[in-house]
Amino acid sequence: MGLKEDLESNPPCHPRACAIQDCLAKNGYDEAKCSRYIDALYECCDAFYRQHGDEATSACCPKASLLRLKMKQRRDEQSK
C-alpha cells in the first residue's frame, strides 16, 4: 500500500505502525534493524498532520510537536 491508502486507514498510518511491530518482533526488538519502517511511519504521520492540522490525533502517530522533534533527531543522526 502507498501513502494515500495508509493515510485513509483506520486509524491513519496503522499499516505502517504494524510493520514496525512486525519488524521488531522478527529482529529481537533491535530498533536499528527497523529504521526504514520507523521512517515510513514518520513520513505518514507528517503527511497526516499536514492534511489535518497539528491538533489532529491518530493512535499510531506521536503528537505533531514530538513527531517533528523525532524526525529532526533522526536526520541529525543520519548526517553524522
PDB file of N, CA and C in Angstrom:
ATOM      1  N   MET A   1       0.838  -1.192   0.000  1.00  0.00           N
ATOM      2  CA  MET A   1       0.000   0.000   0.000  1.00  0.00           C
ATOM      3  C   MET A   1       0.876   1.246   0.000  1.00  0.00           C
ATOM      4  N   GLY A   2       0.315   2.311  -0.506  1.00  0.00           N
ATOM      5  CA  GLY A   2       1.042   3.563  -0.576  1.00  0.00           C
ATOM      6  C   GLY A   2       0.609   4.527   0.512  1.00  0.00           C
ATOM      7  N   LEU A   3       1.189   5.701   0.472  1.00  0.00           N
ATOM      8  CA  LEU A   3       0.927   6.726   1.478  1.00  0.00           C
ATOM      9  C   LEU A   3      -0.554   7.090   1.518  1.00  0.00           C
ATOM     10  N   LYS A   4      -1.178   7.266   0.357  1.00  0.00           N
ATOM     11  CA  LYS A   4      -2.591   7.657   0.311  1.00  0.00           C
ATOM     12  C   LYS A   4      -3.456   6.620   1.036  1.00  0.00           C
ATOM     13  N   GLU A   5      -3.231   5.351   0.751  1.00  0.00           N
ATOM     14  CA  GLU A   5      -4.006   4.289   1.400  1.00  0.00           C
ATOM     15  C   GLU A   5      -3.731   4.237   2.906  1.00  0.00           C
ATOM     16  N   ASP A   6      -2.474   4.416   3.284  1.00  0.00           N
ATOM     17  CA  ASP A   6      -2.123   4.372   4.707  1.00  0.00           C
ATOM     18  C   ASP A   6      -2.744   5.543   5.464  1.00  0.00           C
ATOM     19  N   LEU A   7      -2.843   6.706   4.815  1.00  0.00           N
ATOM     20  CA  LEU A   7      -3.494   7.853   5.444  1.00  0.00           C
ATOM     21  C   LEU A   7      -4.988   7.617   5.624  1.00  0.00           C
ATOM     22  N   GLU A   8      -5.584   6.836   4.721  1.00  0.00           N
ATOM     23  CA  GLU A   8      -7.022   6.578   4.774  1.00  0.00           C
ATOM     24  C   GLU A   8      -7.386   5.387   5.659  1.00  0.00           C
ATOM     25  N   SER A   9      -6.388   4.668   6.164  1.00  0.00           N
ATOM     26  CA  SER A   9      -6.677   3.518   7.031  1.00  0.00           C
ATOM     27  C   SER A   9      -7.259   4.021   8.355  1.00  0.00           C
ATOM     28  N   ASN A  10      -7.835   3.108   9.114  1.00  0.00           N
ATOM     29  CA  ASN A  10      -8.422   3.489  10.384  1.00  0.00           C
ATOM     30  C   ASN A  10      -7.789   2.674  11.496  1.00  0.00           C
ATOM     31  N   PRO A  11      -6.987   3.295  12.363  1.00  0.00           N
ATOM     32  CA  PRO A  11      -6.621   4.707  12.393  1.00  0.00           C
ATOM     33  C   PRO A  11      -5.568   5.029  11.335  1.00  0.00           C
ATOM     34  N   PRO A  12      -5.436   6.310  11.003  1.00  0.00           N
ATOM     35  CA  PRO A  12      -4.450   6.699   9.992  1.00  0.00           C
ATOM     36  C   PRO A  12      -3.047   6.187  10.331  1.00  0.00           C
ATOM     37  N   CYS A  13      -2.362   5.711   9.318  1.00  0.00           N
ATOM     38  CA  CYS A  13      -0.973   5.221   9.391  1.00  0.00           C
ATOM     39  C   CYS A  13      -0.845   3.877  10.110  1.00  0.00           C
ATOM     40  N   HIS A  14      -1.948   3.219  10.388  1.00  0.00           N
ATOM     41  CA  HIS A  14      -1.928   1.944  11.107  1.00  0.00           C
ATOM     42  C   HIS A  14      -1.083   0.862  10.429  1.00  0.00           C
ATOM     43  N   PRO A  15      -1.179   0.690   9.092  1.00  0.00           N
ATOM     44  CA  PRO A  15      -0.344  -0.350   8.470  1.00  0.00           C
ATOM     45  C   PRO A  15       1.147  -0.131   8.706  1.00  0.00           C
ATOM     46  N   ARG A  16       1.563   1.114   8.755  1.00  0.00           N
ATOM     47  CA  ARG A  16       2.990   1.400   8.965  1.00  0.00           C
ATOM     48  C   ARG A  16       3.400   1.138  10.411  1.00  0.00           C
ATOM     49  N   ALA A  17       2.520   1.429  11.343  1.00  0.00           N
ATOM     50  CA  ALA A  17       2.812   1.128  12.747  1.00  0.00           C
ATOM     51  C   ALA A  17       2.908  -0.386  12.944  1.00  0.00           C
ATOM     52  N   CYS A  18       2.025  -1.128  12.304  1.00  0.00           N
ATOM     53  CA  CYS A  18       2.064  -2.594  12.397  1.00  0.00           C
ATOM     54  C   CYS A  18       3.347  -3.149  11.786  1.00  0.00           C
ATOM     55  N   ALA A  19       3.811  -2.549  10.710  1.00  0.00           N
ATOM     56  CA  ALA A  19       5.042  -3.001  10.064  1.00  0.00           C
ATOM     57  C   ALA A  19       6.230  -2.853  11.015  1.00  0.00           C
ATOM     58  N   ILE A  20       6.240  -1.786  11.801  1.00  0.00           N
ATOM     59  CA  ILE A  20       7.317  -1.608  12.790  1.00  0.00           C
ATOM     60  C   ILE A  20       7.259  -2.732  13.814  1.00  0.00           C
ATOM     61  N   GLN A  21       6.071  -3.003  14.345  1.00  0.00           N
ATOM     62  CA  GLN A  21       5.929  -4.054  15.360  1.00  0.00           C
ATOM     63  C   GLN A  21       6.360  -5.412  14.817  1.00  0.00           C
ATOM     64  N   ASP A  22       5.958  -5.715  13.589  1.00  0.00           N
ATOM     65  CA  ASP A  22       6.357  -6.980  12.964  1.00  0.00           C
ATOM     66  C   ASP A  22       7.868  -7.064  12.832  1.00  0.00           C
ATOM     67  N   CYS A  23       8.472  -5.986  12.362  1.00  0.00           N
ATOM     68  CA  CYS A  23       9.921  -5.954  12.170  1.00  0.00           C
ATOM     69  C   CYS A  23      10.646  -6.126  13.508  1.00  0.00           C
ATOM     70  N   LEU A  24      10.202  -5.396  14.522  1.00  0.00           N
ATOM     71  CA  LEU A  24      10.842  -5.503  15.834  1.00  0.00           C
ATOM     72  C   LEU A  24      10.750  -6.926  16.381  1.00  0.00           C
ATOM     73  N   ALA A  25       9.573  -7.532  16.250  1.00  0.00           N
ATOM     74  CA  ALA A  25       9.390  -8.905  16.751  1.00  0.00           C
ATOM     75  C   ALA A  25      10.313  -9.888  16.030  1.00  0.00           C
ATOM     76  N   LYS A  26      10.480  -9.692  14.719  1.00  0.00           N
ATOM     77  CA  LYS A  26      11.321 -10.601  13.924  1.00  0.00           C
ATOM     78  C   LYS A  26      12.813 -10.381  14.168  1.00  0.00           C
ATOM     79  N   ASN A  27      13.177  -9.209  14.699  1.00  0.00           N
ATOM     80  CA  ASN A  27      14.586  -8.852  14.847  1.00  0.00           C
ATOM     81  C   ASN A  27      14.995  -8.637  16.299  1.00  0.00           C
ATOM     82  N   GLY A  28      14.335  -9.343  17.202  1.00  0.00           N
ATOM     83  CA  GLY A  28      14.725  -9.269  18.607  1.00  0.00           C
ATOM     84  C   GLY A  28      14.635  -7.873  19.194  1.00  0.00           C
ATOM     85  N   TYR A  29      13.694  -7.090  18.700  1.00  0.00           N
ATOM     86  CA  TYR A  29      13.454  -5.721  19.173  1.00  0.00           C
ATOM     87  C   TYR A  29      14.674  -4.825  19.022  1.00  0.00           C
ATOM     88  N   ASP A  30      15.446  -5.081  17.979  1.00  0.00           N
ATOM     89  CA  ASP A  30      16.592  -4.244  17.623  1.00  0.00           C
ATOM     90  C   ASP A  30      16.085  -3.121  16.706  1.00  0.00           C
ATOM     91  N   GLU A  31      15.893  -1.949  17.285  1.00  0.00           N
ATOM     92  CA  GLU A  31      15.308  -0.821  16.550  1.00  0.00           C
ATOM     93  C   GLU A  31      16.131  -0.445  15.317  1.00  0.00           C
ATOM     94  N   ALA A  32      17.446  -0.595  15.385  1.00  0.00           N
ATOM     95  CA  ALA A  32      18.311  -0.223  14.264  1.00  0.00           C
ATOM     96  C   ALA A  32      17.962  -1.019  13.001  1.00  0.00           C
ATOM     97  N   LYS A  33      17.500  -2.246  13.176  1.00  0.00           N
ATOM     98  CA  LYS A  33      17.164  -3.082  12.019  1.00  0.00           C
ATOM     99  C   LYS A  33      15.817  -2.711  11.404  1.00  0.00           C
ATOM    100  N   CYS A  34      15.064  -1.855  12.064  1.00  0.00           N
ATOM    101  CA  CYS A  34      13.723  -1.493  11.599  1.00  0.00           C
ATOM    102  C   CYS A  34      13.623  -0.008  11.242  1.00  0.00           C
ATOM    103  N   SER A  35      14.751   0.608  11.066  1.00  0.00           N
ATOM    104  CA  SER A  35      14.811   2.046  10.832  1.00  0.00           C
ATOM    105  C   SER A  35      13.947   2.497   9.660  1.00  0.00           C
ATOM    106  N   ARG A  36      13.945   1.741   8.578  1.00  0.00           N
ATOM    107  CA  ARG A  36      13.181   2.170   7.396  1.00  0.00           C
ATOM    108  C   ARG A  36      11.688   2.162   7.671  1.00  0.00           C
ATOM    109  N   TYR A  37      11.235   1.264   8.543  1.00  0.00           N
ATOM    110  CA  TYR A  37       9.816   1.215   8.896  1.00  0.00           C
ATOM    111  C   TYR A  37       9.430   2.392   9.797  1.00  0.00           C
ATOM    112  N   ILE A  38      10.340   2.760  10.671  1.00  0.00           N
ATOM    113  CA  ILE A  38      10.109   3.916  11.538  1.00  0.00           C
ATOM    114  C   ILE A  38      10.042   5.180  10.689  1.00  0.00           C
ATOM    115  N   ASP A  39      10.981   5.311   9.746  1.00  0.00           N
ATOM    116  CA  ASP A  39      10.955   6.469   8.842  1.00  0.00           C
ATOM    117  C   ASP A  39       9.656   6.508   8.037  1.00  0.00           C
ATOM    118  N   ALA A  40       9.180   5.343   7.608  1.00  0.00           N
ATOM    119  CA  ALA A  40       7.931   5.279   6.832  1.00  0.00           C
ATOM    120  C   ALA A  40       6.744   5.727   7.679  1.00  0.00           C
ATOM    121  N   LEU A  41       6.700   5.318   8.949  1.00  0.00           N
ATOM    122  CA  LEU A  41       5.617   5.761   9.831  1.00  0.00           C
ATOM    123  C   LEU A  41       5.686   7.275  10.013  1.00  0.00           C
ATOM    124  N   TYR A  42       6.871   7.785  10.262  1.00  0.00           N
ATOM    125  CA  TYR A  42       7.008   9.228  10.468  1.00  0.00           C
ATOM    126  C   TYR A  42       6.599   9.994   9.220  1.00  0.00           C
ATOM    127  N   GLU A  43       6.923   9.462   8.046  1.00  0.00           N
ATOM    128  CA  GLU A  43       6.506  10.098   6.787  1.00  0.00           C
ATOM    129  C   GLU A  43       4.974  10.160   6.726  1.00  0.00           C
ATOM    130  N   CYS A  44       4.325   9.066   7.069  1.00  0.00           N
ATOM    131  CA  CYS A  44       2.864   9.014   7.045  1.00  0.00           C
ATOM    132  C   CYS A  44       2.279   9.984   8.067  1.00  0.00           C
ATOM    133  N   CYS A  45       2.798   9.978   9.271  1.00  0.00           N
ATOM    134  CA  CYS A  45       2.283  10.864  10.316  1.00  0.00           C
ATOM    135  C   CYS A  45       2.487  12.326   9.949  1.00  0.00           C
ATOM    136  N   ASP A  46       3.619  12.644   9.367  1.00  0.00           N
ATOM    137  CA  ASP A  46       3.876  14.019   8.929  1.00  0.00           C
ATOM    138  C   ASP A  46       2.839  14.439   7.888  1.00  0.00           C
ATOM    139  N   ALA A  47       2.561  13.565   6.936  1.00  0.00           N
ATOM    140  CA  ALA A  47       1.545  13.851   5.919  1.00  0.00           C
ATOM    141  C   ALA A  47       0.163  13.982   6.566  1.00  0.00           C
ATOM    142  N   PHE A  48      -0.123  13.143   7.563  1.00  0.00           N
ATOM    143  CA  PHE A  48      -1.399  13.206   8.285  1.00  0.00           C
ATOM    144  C   PHE A  48      -1.576  14.577   8.931  1.00  0.00           C
ATOM    145  N   TYR A  49      -0.546  15.061   9.611  1.00  0.00           N
ATOM    146  CA  TYR A  49      -0.645  16.371  10.271  1.00  0.00           C
ATOM    147  C   TYR A  49      -0.718  17.510   9.260  1.00  0.00           C
ATOM    148  N   ARG A  50      -0.009  17.384   8.149  1.00  0.00           N
ATOM    149  CA  ARG A  50      -0.105  18.423   7.113  1.00  0.00           C
ATOM    150  C   ARG A  50      -1.521  18.481   6.543  1.00  0.00           C
ATOM    151  N   GLN A  51      -2.156  17.336   6.445  1.00  0.00           N
ATOM    152  CA  GLN A  51      -3.509  17.261   5.877  1.00  0.00           C
ATOM    153  C   GLN A  51      -4.583  17.698   6.873  1.00  0.00           C
ATOM    154  N   HIS A  52      -4.426  17.351   8.150  1.00  0.00           N
ATOM    155  CA  HIS A  52      -5.490  17.563   9.134  1.00  0.00           C
ATOM    156  C   HIS A  52      -5.168  18.591  10.211  1.00  0.00           C
ATOM    157  N   GLY A  53      -3.938  19.104  10.232  1.00  0.00           N
ATOM    158  CA  GLY A  53      -3.552  20.086  11.250  1.00  0.00           C
ATOM    159  C   GLY A  53      -2.891  19.429  12.454  1.00  0.00           C
ATOM    160  N   ASP A  54      -2.111  20.216  13.176  1.00  0.00           N
ATOM    161  CA  ASP A  54      -1.312  19.706  14.297  1.00  0.00           C
ATOM    162  C   ASP A  54      -2.150  19.228  15.477  1.00  0.00           C
ATOM    163  N   GLU A  55      -3.412  19.627  15.547  1.00  0.00           N
ATOM    164  CA  GLU A  55      -4.264  19.211  16.667  1.00  0.00           C
ATOM    165  C   GLU A  55      -4.969  17.880  16.401  1.00  0.00           C
ATOM    166  N   ALA A  56      -4.863  17.359  15.185  1.00  0.00           N
ATOM    167  CA  ALA A  56      -5.485  16.079  14.850  1.00  0.00           C
ATOM    168  C   ALA A  56      -4.817  14.969  15.657  1.00  0.00           C
ATOM    169  N   THR A  57      -5.505  13.842  15.785  1.00  0.00           N
ATOM    170  CA  THR A  57      -4.925  12.720  16.525  1.00  0.00           C
ATOM    171  C   THR A  57      -5.095  11.414  15.755  1.00  0.00           C
ATOM    172  N   SER A  58      -4.099  10.575  15.888  1.00  0.00           N
ATOM    173  CA  SER A  58      -4.144   9.208  15.387  1.00  0.00           C
ATOM    174  C   SER A  58      -3.442   8.348  16.429  1.00  0.00           C
ATOM    175  N   ALA A  59      -4.050   7.239  16.760  1.00  0.00           N
ATOM    176  CA  ALA A  59      -3.458   6.347  17.763  1.00  0.00           C
ATOM    177  C   ALA A  59      -2.068   5.869  17.347  1.00  0.00           C
ATOM    178  N   CYS A  60      -1.765   5.950  16.062  1.00  0.00           N
ATOM    179  CA  CYS A  60      -0.493   5.438  15.552  1.00  0.00           C
ATOM    180  C   CYS A  60       0.606   6.491  15.466  1.00  0.00           C
ATOM    181  N   CYS A  61       0.257   7.756  15.677  1.00  0.00           N
ATOM    182  CA  CYS A  61       1.226   8.842  15.489  1.00  0.00           C
ATOM    183  C   CYS A  61       1.508   9.571  16.794  1.00  0.00           C
ATOM    184  N   PRO A  62       2.784   9.899  17.019  1.00  0.00           N
ATOM    185  CA  PRO A  62       3.083  10.772  18.156  1.00  0.00           C
ATOM    186  C   PRO A  62       2.491  12.154  17.882  1.00  0.00           C
ATOM    187  N   LYS A  63       2.286  12.941  18.917  1.00  0.00           N
ATOM    188  CA  LYS A  63       1.801  14.315  18.733  1.00  0.00           C
ATOM    189  C   LYS A  63       2.710  15.033  17.743  1.00  0.00           C
ATOM    190  N   ALA A  64       2.157  16.004  17.028  1.00  0.00           N
ATOM    191  CA  ALA A  64       2.885  16.675  15.950  1.00  0.00           C
ATOM    192  C   ALA A  64       4.224  17.250  16.419  1.00  0.00           C
ATOM    193  N   SER A  65       4.243  17.908  17.570  1.00  0.00           N
ATOM    194  CA  SER A  65       5.488  18.515  18.051  1.00  0.00           C
ATOM    195  C   SER A  65       6.541  17.445  18.349  1.00  0.00           C
ATOM    196  N   LEU A  66       6.129  16.333  18.947  1.00  0.00           N
ATOM    197  CA  LEU A  66       7.059  15.247  19.243  1.00  0.00           C
ATOM    198  C   LEU A  66       7.522  14.576  17.953  1.00  0.00           C
ATOM    199  N   LEU A  67       6.608  14.409  17.010  1.00  0.00           N
ATOM    200  CA  LEU A  67       6.967  13.822  15.714  1.00  0.00           C
ATOM    201  C   LEU A  67       8.069  14.639  15.049  1.00  0.00           C
ATOM    202  N   ARG A  68       7.899  15.943  15.009  1.00  0.00           N
ATOM    203  CA  ARG A  68       8.907  16.802  14.359  1.00  0.00           C
ATOM    204  C   ARG A  68      10.252  16.734  15.073  1.00  0.00           C
ATOM    205  N   LEU A  69      10.228  16.668  16.390  1.00  0.00           N
ATOM    206  CA  LEU A  69      11.469  16.527  17.158  1.00  0.00           C
ATOM    207  C   LEU A  69      12.148  15.204  16.814  1.00  0.00           C
ATOM    208  N   LYS A  70      11.383  14.123  16.794  1.00  0.00           N
ATOM    209  CA  LYS A  70      11.955  12.810  16.478  1.00  0.00           C
ATOM    210  C   LYS A  70      12.499  12.773  15.048  1.00  0.00           C
ATOM    211  N   MET A  71      11.784  13.398  14.114  1.00  0.00           N
ATOM    212  CA  MET A  71      12.258  13.430  12.728  1.00  0.00           C
ATOM    213  C   MET A  71      13.563  14.208  12.635  1.00  0.00           C
ATOM    214  N   LYS A  72      13.662  15.317  13.355  1.00  0.00           N
ATOM    215  CA  LYS A  72      14.895  16.105  13.357  1.00  0.00           C
ATOM    216  C   LYS A  72      16.042  15.301  13.965  1.00  0.00           C
ATOM    217  N   GLN A  73      15.776  14.610  15.068  1.00  0.00           N
ATOM    218  CA  GLN A  73      16.812  13.796  15.709  1.00  0.00           C
ATOM    219  C   GLN A  73      17.304  12.704  14.763  1.00  0.00           C
ATOM    220  N   ARG A  74      16.395  12.068  14.034  1.00  0.00           N
ATOM    221  CA  ARG A  74      16.785  11.007  13.095  1.00  0.00           C
ATOM    222  C   ARG A  74      17.617  11.587  11.951  1.00  0.00           C
ATOM    223  N   ARG A  75      17.228  12.761  11.449  1.00  0.00           N
ATOM    224  CA  ARG A  75      18.018  13.396  10.373  1.00  0.00           C
ATOM    225  C   ARG A  75      19.413  13.747  10.868  1.00  0.00           C
ATOM    226  N   ASP A  76      19.475  14.291  12.095  1.00  0.00           N
ATOM    227  CA  ASP A  76      20.767  14.656  12.676  1.00  0.00           C
ATOM    228  C   ASP A  76      21.651  13.420  12.852  1.00  0.00           C
ATOM    229  N   GLU A  77      21.085  12.323  13.299  1.00  0.00           N
ATOM    230  CA  GLU A  77      21.824  11.067  13.470  1.00  0.00           C
ATOM    231  C   GLU A  77      22.351  10.556  12.131  1.00  0.00           C
ATOM    232  N   GLN A  78      21.519  10.620  11.115  1.00  0.00           N
ATOM    233  CA  GLN A  78      21.901  10.102   9.797  1.00  0.00           C
ATOM    234  C   GLN A  78      22.985  10.957   9.143  1.00  0.00           C
ATOM    235  N   SER A  79      23.065  12.234   9.518  1.00  0.00           N
ATOM    236  CA  SER A  79      24.069  13.097   8.886  1.00  0.00           C
ATOM    237  C   SER A  79      25.424  13.032   9.580  1.00  0.00           C
ATOM    238  N   LYS A  80      25.506  12.256  10.661  1.00  0.00           N
ATOM    239  CA  LYS A  80      26.797  12.118  11.378  1.00  0.00           C
ATOM    240  C   LYS A  80      27.713  11.164  10.659  1.00  0.00           C
TER     241      LYS A  80
END
